PDB file of N, CA and C in Angstrom:
ATOM      1  N   MET A   1      55.369  73.986 100.688  1.00  0.00           N
ATOM      2  CA  MET A   1      56.088  74.570  99.585  1.00  0.00           C
ATOM      3  C   MET A   1      57.437  75.084 100.072  1.00  0.00           C
ATOM      4  N   SER A   2      58.480  74.869  99.274  1.00  0.00           N
ATOM      5  CA  SER A   2      59.803  75.293  99.714  1.00  0.00           C
ATOM      6  C   SER A   2      60.058  76.748  99.359  1.00  0.00           C
ATOM      7  N   PHE A   3      60.943  77.321 100.114  1.00  0.00           N
ATOM      8  CA  PHE A   3      61.292  78.720  99.913  1.00  0.00           C
ATOM      9  C   PHE A   3      62.701  78.773  99.336  1.00  0.00           C
ATOM     10  N   CYS A   4      62.845  79.336  98.156  1.00  0.00           N
ATOM     11  CA  CYS A   4      64.137  79.391  97.497  1.00  0.00           C
ATOM     12  C   CYS A   4      64.447  80.838  97.150  1.00  0.00           C
ATOM     13  N   GLY A   5      65.358  81.436  97.884  1.00  0.00           N
ATOM     14  CA  GLY A   5      65.694  82.826  97.621  1.00  0.00           C
ATOM     15  C   GLY A   5      64.514  83.726  97.949  1.00  0.00           C
ATOM     16  N   PRO A   6      64.348  84.793  97.176  1.00  0.00           N
ATOM     17  CA  PRO A   6      63.251  85.723  97.469  1.00  0.00           C
ATOM     18  C   PRO A   6      61.894  85.233  96.957  1.00  0.00           C
ATOM     19  N   TYR A   7      61.865  84.145  96.203  1.00  0.00           N
ATOM     20  CA  TYR A   7      60.618  83.661  95.606  1.00  0.00           C
ATOM     21  C   TYR A   7      60.293  82.255  96.083  1.00  0.00           C
ATOM     22  N   PHE A   8      59.020  81.924  96.069  1.00  0.00           N
ATOM     23  CA  PHE A   8      58.628  80.564  96.372  1.00  0.00           C
ATOM     24  C   PHE A   8      58.891  79.689  95.169  1.00  0.00           C
ATOM     25  N   SER A   9      59.048  78.399  95.405  1.00  0.00           N
ATOM     26  CA  SER A   9      59.336  77.452  94.340  1.00  0.00           C
ATOM     27  C   SER A   9      58.211  77.425  93.315  1.00  0.00           C
ATOM     28  N   VAL A  10      58.591  77.376  92.051  1.00  0.00           N
ATOM     29  CA  VAL A  10      57.605  77.289  90.978  1.00  0.00           C
ATOM     30  C   VAL A  10      57.652  75.912  90.319  1.00  0.00           C
ATOM     31  N   ALA A  11      58.178  74.935  91.055  1.00  0.00           N
ATOM     32  CA  ALA A  11      58.290  73.579  90.517  1.00  0.00           C
ATOM     33  C   ALA A  11      56.912  72.970  90.324  1.00  0.00           C
ATOM     34  N   ASN A  12      56.799  72.174  89.260  1.00  0.00           N
ATOM     35  CA  ASN A  12      55.522  71.537  88.937  1.00  0.00           C
ATOM     36  C   ASN A  12      55.386  70.141  89.505  1.00  0.00           C
ATOM     37  N   ASN A  13      56.461  69.546  89.939  1.00  0.00           N
ATOM     38  CA  ASN A  13      56.359  68.208  90.518  1.00  0.00           C
ATOM     39  C   ASN A  13      57.355  68.045  91.661  1.00  0.00           C
ATOM     40  N   LYS A  14      57.242  66.885  92.319  1.00  0.00           N
ATOM     41  CA  LYS A  14      58.017  66.639  93.521  1.00  0.00           C
ATOM     42  C   LYS A  14      59.529  66.620  93.249  1.00  0.00           C
ATOM     43  N   SER A  15      59.943  65.978  92.167  1.00  0.00           N
ATOM     44  CA  SER A  15      61.370  65.853  91.880  1.00  0.00           C
ATOM     45  C   SER A  15      61.977  67.206  91.529  1.00  0.00           C
ATOM     46  N   ALA A  16      61.245  68.040  90.816  1.00  0.00           N
ATOM     47  CA  ALA A  16      61.749  69.380  90.480  1.00  0.00           C
ATOM     48  C   ALA A  16      61.882  70.227  91.735  1.00  0.00           C
ATOM     49  N   ARG A  17      60.922  70.104  92.641  1.00  0.00           N
ATOM     50  CA  ARG A  17      60.976  70.832  93.906  1.00  0.00           C
ATOM     51  C   ARG A  17      62.196  70.387  94.716  1.00  0.00           C
ATOM     52  N   LYS A  18      62.449  69.070  94.715  1.00  0.00           N
ATOM     53  CA  LYS A  18      63.596  68.543  95.455  1.00  0.00           C
ATOM     54  C   LYS A  18      64.905  69.059  94.851  1.00  0.00           C
ATOM     55  N   ARG A  19      65.003  69.116  93.527  1.00  0.00           N
ATOM     56  CA  ARG A  19      66.210  69.612  92.879  1.00  0.00           C
ATOM     57  C   ARG A  19      66.463  71.076  93.258  1.00  0.00           C
ATOM     58  N   ILE A  20      65.404  71.870  93.358  1.00  0.00           N
ATOM     59  CA  ILE A  20      65.541  73.273  93.757  1.00  0.00           C
ATOM     60  C   ILE A  20      66.067  73.364  95.187  1.00  0.00           C
ATOM     61  N   GLU A  21      65.550  72.521  96.075  1.00  0.00           N
ATOM     62  CA  GLU A  21      66.006  72.521  97.459  1.00  0.00           C
ATOM     63  C   GLU A  21      67.475  72.114  97.563  1.00  0.00           C
ATOM     64  N   ILE A  22      67.864  71.096  96.774  1.00  0.00           N
ATOM     65  CA  ILE A  22      69.254  70.633  96.793  1.00  0.00           C
ATOM     66  C   ILE A  22      70.180  71.709  96.237  1.00  0.00           C
ATOM     67  N   ALA A  23      69.751  72.362  95.168  1.00  0.00           N
ATOM     68  CA  ALA A  23      70.567  73.422  94.574  1.00  0.00           C
ATOM     69  C   ALA A  23      70.771  74.565  95.560  1.00  0.00           C
ATOM     70  N   GLU A  24      69.741  74.907  96.299  1.00  0.00           N
ATOM     71  CA  GLU A  24      69.846  75.979  97.300  1.00  0.00           C
ATOM     72  C   GLU A  24      70.791  75.565  98.427  1.00  0.00           C
ATOM     73  N   ARG A  25      70.669  74.329  98.877  1.00  0.00           N
ATOM     74  CA  ARG A  25      71.562  73.820  99.930  1.00  0.00           C
ATOM     75  C   ARG A  25      73.017  73.867  99.464  1.00  0.00           C
ATOM     76  N   ASN A  26      73.263  73.418  98.228  1.00  0.00           N
ATOM     77  CA  ASN A  26      74.625  73.423  97.695  1.00  0.00           C
ATOM     78  C   ASN A  26      75.152  74.845  97.510  1.00  0.00           C
ATOM     79  N   ARG A  27      74.285  75.763  97.098  1.00  0.00           N
ATOM     80  CA  ARG A  27      74.693  77.153  96.904  1.00  0.00           C
ATOM     81  C   ARG A  27      75.179  77.750  98.228  1.00  0.00           C
ATOM     82  N   LEU A  28      74.442  77.490  99.299  1.00  0.00           N
ATOM     83  CA  LEU A  28      74.824  78.009 100.611  1.00  0.00           C
ATOM     84  C   LEU A  28      76.134  77.380 101.102  1.00  0.00           C
ATOM     85  N   HIS A  29      76.292  76.090 100.841  1.00  0.00           N
ATOM     86  CA  HIS A  29      77.515  75.386 101.230  1.00  0.00           C
ATOM     87  C   HIS A  29      78.713  75.958 100.481  1.00  0.00           C
ATOM     88  N   ASN A  30      78.566  76.157  99.172  1.00  0.00           N
ATOM     89  CA  ASN A  30      79.647  76.711  98.359  1.00  0.00           C
ATOM     90  C   ASN A  30      79.965  78.143  98.785  1.00  0.00           C
ATOM     91  N   ARG A  31      78.927  78.899  99.130  1.00  0.00           N
ATOM     92  CA  ARG A  31      79.121  80.284  99.539  1.00  0.00           C
ATOM     93  C   ARG A  31      79.982  80.359 100.797  1.00  0.00           C
ATOM     94  N   SER A  32      79.769  79.434 101.732  1.00  0.00           N
ATOM     95  CA  SER A  32      80.564  79.450 102.958  1.00  0.00           C
ATOM     96  C   SER A  32      82.027  79.131 102.662  1.00  0.00           C
ATOM     97  N   TYR A  33      82.292  78.191 101.741  1.00  0.00           N
ATOM     98  CA  TYR A  33      83.666  77.885 101.357  1.00  0.00           C
ATOM     99  C   TYR A  33      84.323  79.098 100.709  1.00  0.00           C
ATOM    100  N   LYS A  34      83.607  79.745  99.796  1.00  0.00           N
ATOM    101  CA  LYS A  34      84.172  80.899  99.084  1.00  0.00           C
ATOM    102  C   LYS A  34      84.443  82.057 100.039  1.00  0.00           C
ATOM    103  N   ALA A  35      83.531  82.282 100.973  1.00  0.00           N
ATOM    104  CA  ALA A  35      83.701  83.376 101.928  1.00  0.00           C
ATOM    105  C   ALA A  35      84.921  83.121 102.810  1.00  0.00           C
ATOM    106  N   ALA A  36      85.073  81.900 103.292  1.00  0.00           N
ATOM    107  CA  ALA A  36      86.220  81.562 104.135  1.00  0.00           C
ATOM    108  C   ALA A  36      87.520  81.697 103.348  1.00  0.00           C
ATOM    109  N   MET A  37      87.483  81.278 102.095  1.00  0.00           N
ATOM    110  CA  MET A  37      88.656  81.370 101.238  1.00  0.00           C
ATOM    111  C   MET A  37      89.063  82.834 101.028  1.00  0.00           C
ATOM    112  N   ARG A  38      88.088  83.690 100.740  1.00  0.00           N
ATOM    113  CA  ARG A  38      88.374  85.109 100.531  1.00  0.00           C
ATOM    114  C   ARG A  38      88.923  85.760 101.807  1.00  0.00           C
ATOM    115  N   THR A  39      88.372  85.386 102.956  1.00  0.00           N
ATOM    116  CA  THR A  39      88.834  85.932 104.231  1.00  0.00           C
ATOM    117  C   THR A  39      90.298  85.569 104.476  1.00  0.00           C
ATOM    118  N   LEU A  40      90.647  84.301 104.251  1.00  0.00           N
ATOM    119  CA  LEU A  40      92.023  83.871 104.475  1.00  0.00           C
ATOM    120  C   LEU A  40      92.979  84.513 103.476  1.00  0.00           C
ATOM    121  N   MET A  41      92.511  84.735 102.257  1.00  0.00           N
ATOM    122  CA  MET A  41      93.352  85.410 101.266  1.00  0.00           C
ATOM    123  C   MET A  41      93.607  86.858 101.685  1.00  0.00           C
ATOM    124  N   LYS A  42      92.572  87.534 102.171  1.00  0.00           N
ATOM    125  CA  LYS A  42      92.741  88.912 102.627  1.00  0.00           C
ATOM    126  C   LYS A  42      93.718  88.976 103.796  1.00  0.00           C
ATOM    127  N   ARG A  43      93.646  88.006 104.708  1.00  0.00           N
ATOM    128  CA  ARG A  43      94.581  87.959 105.835  1.00  0.00           C
ATOM    129  C   ARG A  43      96.011  87.819 105.342  1.00  0.00           C
ATOM    130  N   CYS A  44      96.196  87.002 104.311  1.00  0.00           N
ATOM    131  CA  CYS A  44      97.533  86.800 103.754  1.00  0.00           C
ATOM    132  C   CYS A  44      98.044  88.087 103.111  1.00  0.00           C
ATOM    133  N   PHE A  45      97.194  88.758 102.329  1.00  0.00           N
ATOM    134  CA  PHE A  45      97.606  90.012 101.702  1.00  0.00           C
ATOM    135  C   PHE A  45      97.929  91.073 102.765  1.00  0.00           C
ATOM    136  N   THR A  46      97.148  91.102 103.831  1.00  0.00           N
ATOM    137  CA  THR A  46      97.397  92.047 104.920  1.00  0.00           C
ATOM    138  C   THR A  46      98.721  91.730 105.609  1.00  0.00           C
ATOM    139  N   ALA A  47      98.980  90.439 105.832  1.00  0.00           N
ATOM    140  CA  ALA A  47     100.237  90.033 106.456  1.00  0.00           C
ATOM    141  C   ALA A  47     101.418  90.418 105.566  1.00  0.00           C
ATOM    142  N   CYS A  48     101.256  90.300 104.254  1.00  0.00           N
ATOM    143  CA  CYS A  48     102.322  90.689 103.318  1.00  0.00           C
ATOM    144  C   CYS A  48     102.598  92.185 103.412  1.00  0.00           C
ATOM    145  N   SER A  49     101.545  92.986 103.445  1.00  0.00           N
ATOM    146  CA  SER A  49     101.751  94.435 103.527  1.00  0.00           C
ATOM    147  C   SER A  49     102.356  94.825 104.884  1.00  0.00           C
ATOM    148  N   ASP A  50     101.968  94.123 105.954  1.00  0.00           N
ATOM    149  CA  ASP A  50     102.551  94.386 107.266  1.00  0.00           C
ATOM    150  C   ASP A  50     104.046  94.056 107.274  1.00  0.00           C
ATOM    151  N   TYR A  51     104.393  92.930 106.633  1.00  0.00           N
ATOM    152  CA  TYR A  51     105.797  92.526 106.571  1.00  0.00           C
ATOM    153  C   TYR A  51     106.608  93.525 105.747  1.00  0.00           C
ATOM    154  N   THR A  52     106.008  94.030 104.661  1.00  0.00           N
ATOM    155  CA  THR A  52     106.698  95.003 103.815  1.00  0.00           C
ATOM    156  C   THR A  52     106.991  96.288 104.586  1.00  0.00           C
ATOM    157  N   SER A  53     106.010  96.728 105.377  1.00  0.00           N
ATOM    158  CA  SER A  53     106.199  97.969 106.127  1.00  0.00           C
ATOM    159  C   SER A  53     107.107  97.784 107.340  1.00  0.00           C
ATOM    160  N   LYS A  54     107.081  96.595 107.932  1.00  0.00           N
ATOM    161  CA  LYS A  54     107.856  96.363 109.160  1.00  0.00           C
ATOM    162  C   LYS A  54     108.387  94.933 109.157  1.00  0.00           C
ATOM    163  N   PRO A  55     109.507  94.679 108.444  1.00  0.00           N
ATOM    164  CA  PRO A  55     110.037  93.311 108.363  1.00  0.00           C
ATOM    165  C   PRO A  55     110.527  92.791 109.710  1.00  0.00           C
ATOM    166  N   GLY A  56     110.413  91.486 109.873  1.00  0.00           N
ATOM    167  CA  GLY A  56     110.883  90.838 111.093  1.00  0.00           C
ATOM    168  C   GLY A  56     110.551  89.360 111.045  1.00  0.00           C
ATOM    169  N   ASP A  57     111.098  88.613 111.968  1.00  0.00           N
ATOM    170  CA  ASP A  57     110.863  87.169 111.977  1.00  0.00           C
ATOM    171  C   ASP A  57     109.406  86.830 112.269  1.00  0.00           C
ATOM    172  N   ASP A  58     108.796  87.562 113.200  1.00  0.00           N
ATOM    173  CA  ASP A  58     107.387  87.302 113.533  1.00  0.00           C
ATOM    174  C   ASP A  58     106.483  87.597 112.336  1.00  0.00           C
ATOM    175  N   ALA A  59     106.759  88.693 111.657  1.00  0.00           N
ATOM    176  CA  ALA A  59     105.947  89.067 110.499  1.00  0.00           C
ATOM    177  C   ALA A  59     106.111  88.056 109.371  1.00  0.00           C
ATOM    178  N   LYS A  60     107.344  87.564 109.202  1.00  0.00           N
ATOM    179  CA  LYS A  60     107.602  86.571 108.150  1.00  0.00           C
ATOM    180  C   LYS A  60     106.877  85.261 108.468  1.00  0.00           C
ATOM    181  N   ALA A  61     106.884  84.861 109.725  1.00  0.00           N
ATOM    182  CA  ALA A  61     106.172  83.655 110.144  1.00  0.00           C
ATOM    183  C   ALA A  61     104.678  83.826 109.939  1.00  0.00           C
ATOM    184  N   SER A  62     104.181  85.022 110.200  1.00  0.00           N
ATOM    185  CA  SER A  62     102.759  85.312 109.990  1.00  0.00           C
ATOM    186  C   SER A  62     102.385  85.194 108.517  1.00  0.00           C
ATOM    187  N   VAL A  63     103.259  85.706 107.643  1.00  0.00           N
ATOM    188  CA  VAL A  63     103.014  85.605 106.196  1.00  0.00           C
ATOM    189  C   VAL A  63     102.943  84.145 105.779  1.00  0.00           C
ATOM    190  N   GLN A  64     103.904  83.338 106.248  1.00  0.00           N
ATOM    191  CA  GLN A  64     103.943  81.924 105.879  1.00  0.00           C
ATOM    192  C   GLN A  64     102.715  81.171 106.397  1.00  0.00           C
ATOM    193  N   SER A  65     102.331  81.429 107.639  1.00  0.00           N
ATOM    194  CA  SER A  65     101.199  80.696 108.216  1.00  0.00           C
ATOM    195  C   SER A  65      99.881  81.084 107.539  1.00  0.00           C
ATOM    196  N   THR A  66      99.717  82.376 107.235  1.00  0.00           N
ATOM    197  CA  THR A  66      98.480  82.789 106.566  1.00  0.00           C
ATOM    198  C   THR A  66      98.421  82.258 105.141  1.00  0.00           C
ATOM    199  N   MET A  67      99.585  82.198 104.476  1.00  0.00           N
ATOM    200  CA  MET A  67      99.612  81.642 103.116  1.00  0.00           C
ATOM    201  C   MET A  67      99.250  80.153 103.140  1.00  0.00           C
ATOM    202  N   ASN A  68      99.799  79.420 104.103  1.00  0.00           N
ATOM    203  CA  ASN A  68      99.492  77.990 104.212  1.00  0.00           C
ATOM    204  C   ASN A  68      98.006  77.760 104.486  1.00  0.00           C
ATOM    205  N   ALA A  69      97.428  78.581 105.361  1.00  0.00           N
ATOM    206  CA  ALA A  69      96.002  78.441 105.675  1.00  0.00           C
ATOM    207  C   ALA A  69      95.147  78.737 104.446  1.00  0.00           C
ATOM    208  N   ALA A  70      95.522  79.773 103.692  1.00  0.00           N
ATOM    209  CA  ALA A  70      94.766  80.129 102.494  1.00  0.00           C
ATOM    210  C   ALA A  70      94.889  79.035 101.439  1.00  0.00           C
ATOM    211  N   PHE A  71      96.093  78.508 101.249  1.00  0.00           N
ATOM    212  CA  PHE A  71      96.294  77.422 100.274  1.00  0.00           C
ATOM    213  C   PHE A  71      95.442  76.209 100.637  1.00  0.00           C
ATOM    214  N   SER A  72      95.410  75.895 101.919  1.00  0.00           N
ATOM    215  CA  SER A  72      94.631  74.743 102.380  1.00  0.00           C
ATOM    216  C   SER A  72      93.148  74.930 102.080  1.00  0.00           C
ATOM    217  N   LYS A  73      92.630  76.130 102.370  1.00  0.00           N
ATOM    218  CA  LYS A  73      91.205  76.391 102.142  1.00  0.00           C
ATOM    219  C   LYS A  73      90.887  76.387 100.648  1.00  0.00           C
ATOM    220  N   ILE A  74      91.787  76.917  99.829  1.00  0.00           N
ATOM    221  CA  ILE A  74      91.573  76.908  98.373  1.00  0.00           C
ATOM    222  C   ILE A  74      91.532  75.473  97.877  1.00  0.00           C
ATOM    223  N   ASP A  75      92.472  74.642  98.337  1.00  0.00           N
ATOM    224  CA  ASP A  75      92.498  73.242  97.908  1.00  0.00           C
ATOM    225  C   ASP A  75      91.230  72.505  98.322  1.00  0.00           C
ATOM    226  N   LYS A  76      90.736  72.789  99.514  1.00  0.00           N
ATOM    227  CA  LYS A  76      89.502  72.148  99.978  1.00  0.00           C
ATOM    228  C   LYS A  76      88.302  72.616  99.154  1.00  0.00           C
ATOM    229  N   ALA A  77      88.263  73.899  98.814  1.00  0.00           N
ATOM    230  CA  ALA A  77      87.161  74.426  97.999  1.00  0.00           C
ATOM    231  C   ALA A  77      87.158  73.774  96.620  1.00  0.00           C
ATOM    232  N   VAL A  78      88.339  73.548  96.066  1.00  0.00           N
ATOM    233  CA  VAL A  78      88.436  72.872  94.770  1.00  0.00           C
ATOM    234  C   VAL A  78      87.988  71.420  94.913  1.00  0.00           C
ATOM    235  N   LYS A  79      88.419  70.773  95.989  1.00  0.00           N
ATOM    236  CA  LYS A  79      88.111  69.351  96.192  1.00  0.00           C
ATOM    237  C   LYS A  79      86.611  69.101  96.306  1.00  0.00           C
ATOM    238  N   VAL A  80      85.902  69.973  96.999  1.00  0.00           N
ATOM    239  CA  VAL A  80      84.457  69.765  97.167  1.00  0.00           C
ATOM    240  C   VAL A  80      83.650  70.343  96.010  1.00  0.00           C
ATOM    241  N   GLY A  81      84.331  71.045  95.085  1.00  0.00           N
ATOM    242  CA  GLY A  81      83.636  71.554  93.908  1.00  0.00           C
ATOM    243  C   GLY A  81      83.029  72.933  94.082  1.00  0.00           C
ATOM    244  N   ALA A  82      83.440  73.655  95.123  1.00  0.00           N
ATOM    245  CA  ALA A  82      82.904  75.000  95.334  1.00  0.00           C
ATOM    246  C   ALA A  82      83.464  75.964  94.295  1.00  0.00           C
ATOM    247  N   ILE A  83      84.714  75.720  93.887  1.00  0.00           N
ATOM    248  CA  ILE A  83      85.320  76.522  92.821  1.00  0.00           C
ATOM    249  C   ILE A  83      85.992  75.591  91.814  1.00  0.00           C
ATOM    250  N   HIS A  84      86.221  76.093  90.614  1.00  0.00           N
ATOM    251  CA  HIS A  84      86.890  75.325  89.566  1.00  0.00           C
ATOM    252  C   HIS A  84      88.376  75.218  89.883  1.00  0.00           C
ATOM    253  N   ARG A  85      89.013  74.151  89.432  1.00  0.00           N
ATOM    254  CA  ARG A  85      90.429  73.958  89.762  1.00  0.00           C
ATOM    255  C   ARG A  85      91.318  75.046  89.170  1.00  0.00           C
ATOM    256  N   ASN A  86      90.951  75.565  87.999  1.00  0.00           N
ATOM    257  CA  ASN A  86      91.748  76.654  87.416  1.00  0.00           C
ATOM    258  C   ASN A  86      91.615  77.939  88.232  1.00  0.00           C
ATOM    259  N   THR A  87      90.435  78.170  88.782  1.00  0.00           N
ATOM    260  CA  THR A  87      90.237  79.328  89.659  1.00  0.00           C
ATOM    261  C   THR A  87      91.104  79.188  90.903  1.00  0.00           C
ATOM    262  N   GLY A  88      91.141  77.982  91.449  1.00  0.00           N
ATOM    263  CA  GLY A  88      91.984  77.724  92.614  1.00  0.00           C
ATOM    264  C   GLY A  88      93.453  77.949  92.304  1.00  0.00           C
ATOM    265  N   ALA A  89      93.893  77.484  91.145  1.00  0.00           N
ATOM    266  CA  ALA A  89      95.291  77.663  90.745  1.00  0.00           C
ATOM    267  C   ALA A  89      95.603  79.145  90.553  1.00  0.00           C
ATOM    268  N   HIS A  90      94.661  79.876  89.985  1.00  0.00           N
ATOM    269  CA  HIS A  90      94.839  81.318  89.774  1.00  0.00           C
ATOM    270  C   HIS A  90      94.993  82.047  91.109  1.00  0.00           C
ATOM    271  N   GLN A  91      94.143  81.723  92.068  1.00  0.00           N
ATOM    272  CA  GLN A  91      94.190  82.388  93.371  1.00  0.00           C
ATOM    273  C   GLN A  91      95.487  82.039  94.116  1.00  0.00           C
ATOM    274  N   LYS A  92      95.917  80.786  94.023  1.00  0.00           N
ATOM    275  CA  LYS A  92      97.163  80.387  94.670  1.00  0.00           C
ATOM    276  C   LYS A  92      98.353  81.097  94.033  1.00  0.00           C
ATOM    277  N   SER A  93      98.292  81.292  92.729  1.00  0.00           N
ATOM    278  CA  SER A  93      99.349  82.012  92.030  1.00  0.00           C
ATOM    279  C   SER A  93      99.406  83.467  92.482  1.00  0.00           C
ATOM    280  N   ARG A  94      98.242  84.094  92.642  1.00  0.00           N
ATOM    281  CA  ARG A  94      98.174  85.472  93.141  1.00  0.00           C
ATOM    282  C   ARG A  94      98.821  85.583  94.516  1.00  0.00           C
ATOM    283  N   LEU A  95      98.468  84.628  95.392  1.00  0.00           N
ATOM    284  CA  LEU A  95      99.022  84.644  96.743  1.00  0.00           C
ATOM    285  C   LEU A  95     100.535  84.452  96.724  1.00  0.00           C
ATOM    286  N   SER A  96     101.001  83.497  95.928  1.00  0.00           N
ATOM    287  CA  SER A  96     102.431  83.224  95.856  1.00  0.00           C
ATOM    288  C   SER A  96     103.197  84.441  95.364  1.00  0.00           C
ATOM    289  N   ALA A  97     102.654  85.109  94.354  1.00  0.00           N
ATOM    290  CA  ALA A  97     103.307  86.299  93.812  1.00  0.00           C
ATOM    291  C   ALA A  97     103.372  87.409  94.858  1.00  0.00           C
ATOM    292  N   ALA A  98     102.294  87.589  95.611  1.00  0.00           N
ATOM    293  CA  ALA A  98     102.267  88.630  96.645  1.00  0.00           C
ATOM    294  C   ALA A  98     103.265  88.323  97.753  1.00  0.00           C
ATOM    295  N   VAL A  99     103.337  87.061  98.155  1.00  0.00           N
ATOM    296  CA  VAL A  99     104.267  86.667  99.215  1.00  0.00           C
ATOM    297  C   VAL A  99     105.702  86.830  98.729  1.00  0.00           C
ATOM    298  N   LYS A 100     105.964  86.412  97.506  1.00  0.00           N
ATOM    299  CA  LYS A 100     107.317  86.541  96.951  1.00  0.00           C
ATOM    300  C   LYS A 100     107.719  88.012  96.848  1.00  0.00           C
ATOM    301  N   GLN A 101     106.794  88.852  96.414  1.00  0.00           N
ATOM    302  CA  GLN A 101     107.042  90.294  96.302  1.00  0.00           C
ATOM    303  C   GLN A 101     107.341  90.903  97.671  1.00  0.00           C
ATOM    304  N   ALA A 102     106.637  90.435  98.695  1.00  0.00           N
ATOM    305  CA  ALA A 102     106.830  90.982 100.040  1.00  0.00           C
ATOM    306  C   ALA A 102     108.152  90.523 100.642  1.00  0.00           C
ATOM    307  N   ILE A 103     108.478  89.252 100.483  1.00  0.00           N
ATOM    308  CA  ILE A 103     109.663  88.695 101.142  1.00  0.00           C
ATOM    309  C   ILE A 103     110.946  89.008 100.368  1.00  0.00           C
ATOM    310  N   GLU A 104     110.887  88.921  99.035  1.00  0.00           N
ATOM    311  CA  GLU A 104     112.080  89.181  98.216  1.00  0.00           C
ATOM    312  C   GLU A 104     111.758  90.213  97.149  1.00  0.00           C
ATOM    313  N   PRO A 105     111.576  91.479  97.511  1.00  0.00           N
ATOM    314  CA  PRO A 105     111.149  92.480  96.542  1.00  0.00           C
ATOM    315  C   PRO A 105     112.136  92.699  95.392  1.00  0.00           C
ATOM    316  N   ALA A 106     113.439  92.640  95.662  1.00  0.00           N
ATOM    317  CA  ALA A 106     114.443  92.879  94.608  1.00  0.00           C
ATOM    318  C   ALA A 106     114.440  91.736  93.605  1.00  0.00           C
ATOM    319  N   ALA A 107     114.356  90.501  94.086  1.00  0.00           N
ATOM    320  CA  ALA A 107     114.388  89.335  93.193  1.00  0.00           C
ATOM    321  C   ALA A 107     113.099  89.220  92.381  1.00  0.00           C
ATOM    322  N   ALA A 108     111.976  89.643  92.956  1.00  0.00           N
ATOM    323  CA  ALA A 108     110.690  89.529  92.260  1.00  0.00           C
ATOM    324  C   ALA A 108     110.591  90.519  91.111  1.00  0.00           C
ATOM    325  N   ASN A 109     111.225  91.702  91.232  1.00  0.00           N
ATOM    326  CA  ASN A 109     111.160  92.713  90.187  1.00  0.00           C
ATOM    327  C   ASN A 109     112.133  92.443  89.041  1.00  0.00           C
ATOM    328  N   ALA A 110     113.190  91.686  89.304  1.00  0.00           N
ATOM    329  CA  ALA A 110     114.208  91.441  88.282  1.00  0.00           C
ATOM    330  C   ALA A 110     113.763  90.456  87.240  1.00  0.00           C
TER     331      ALA A 110
END
């Protein structure tokens, strides 16, 4: 009998049991994509706040590299179906706005 979450499978036949196992496998796979995506987004937001407090070429390069890494992970999560494409677009928009606010604060407010 397969183990799915905190409960044992309540499937009545072989195909239903297999679908439960596949759904659990996919859930774990999607969870890893989402977790990695959130981590990279947090790194980007942190890099933006660091650049705002202490501007410099190294900090600006850090902001750009973390944004690129986050964009890449978001695109991959959308491609494999871990998140919806509109969710991916929303998250990329959030990141872009934060980076723009950090790098060009006067232009972003106008």
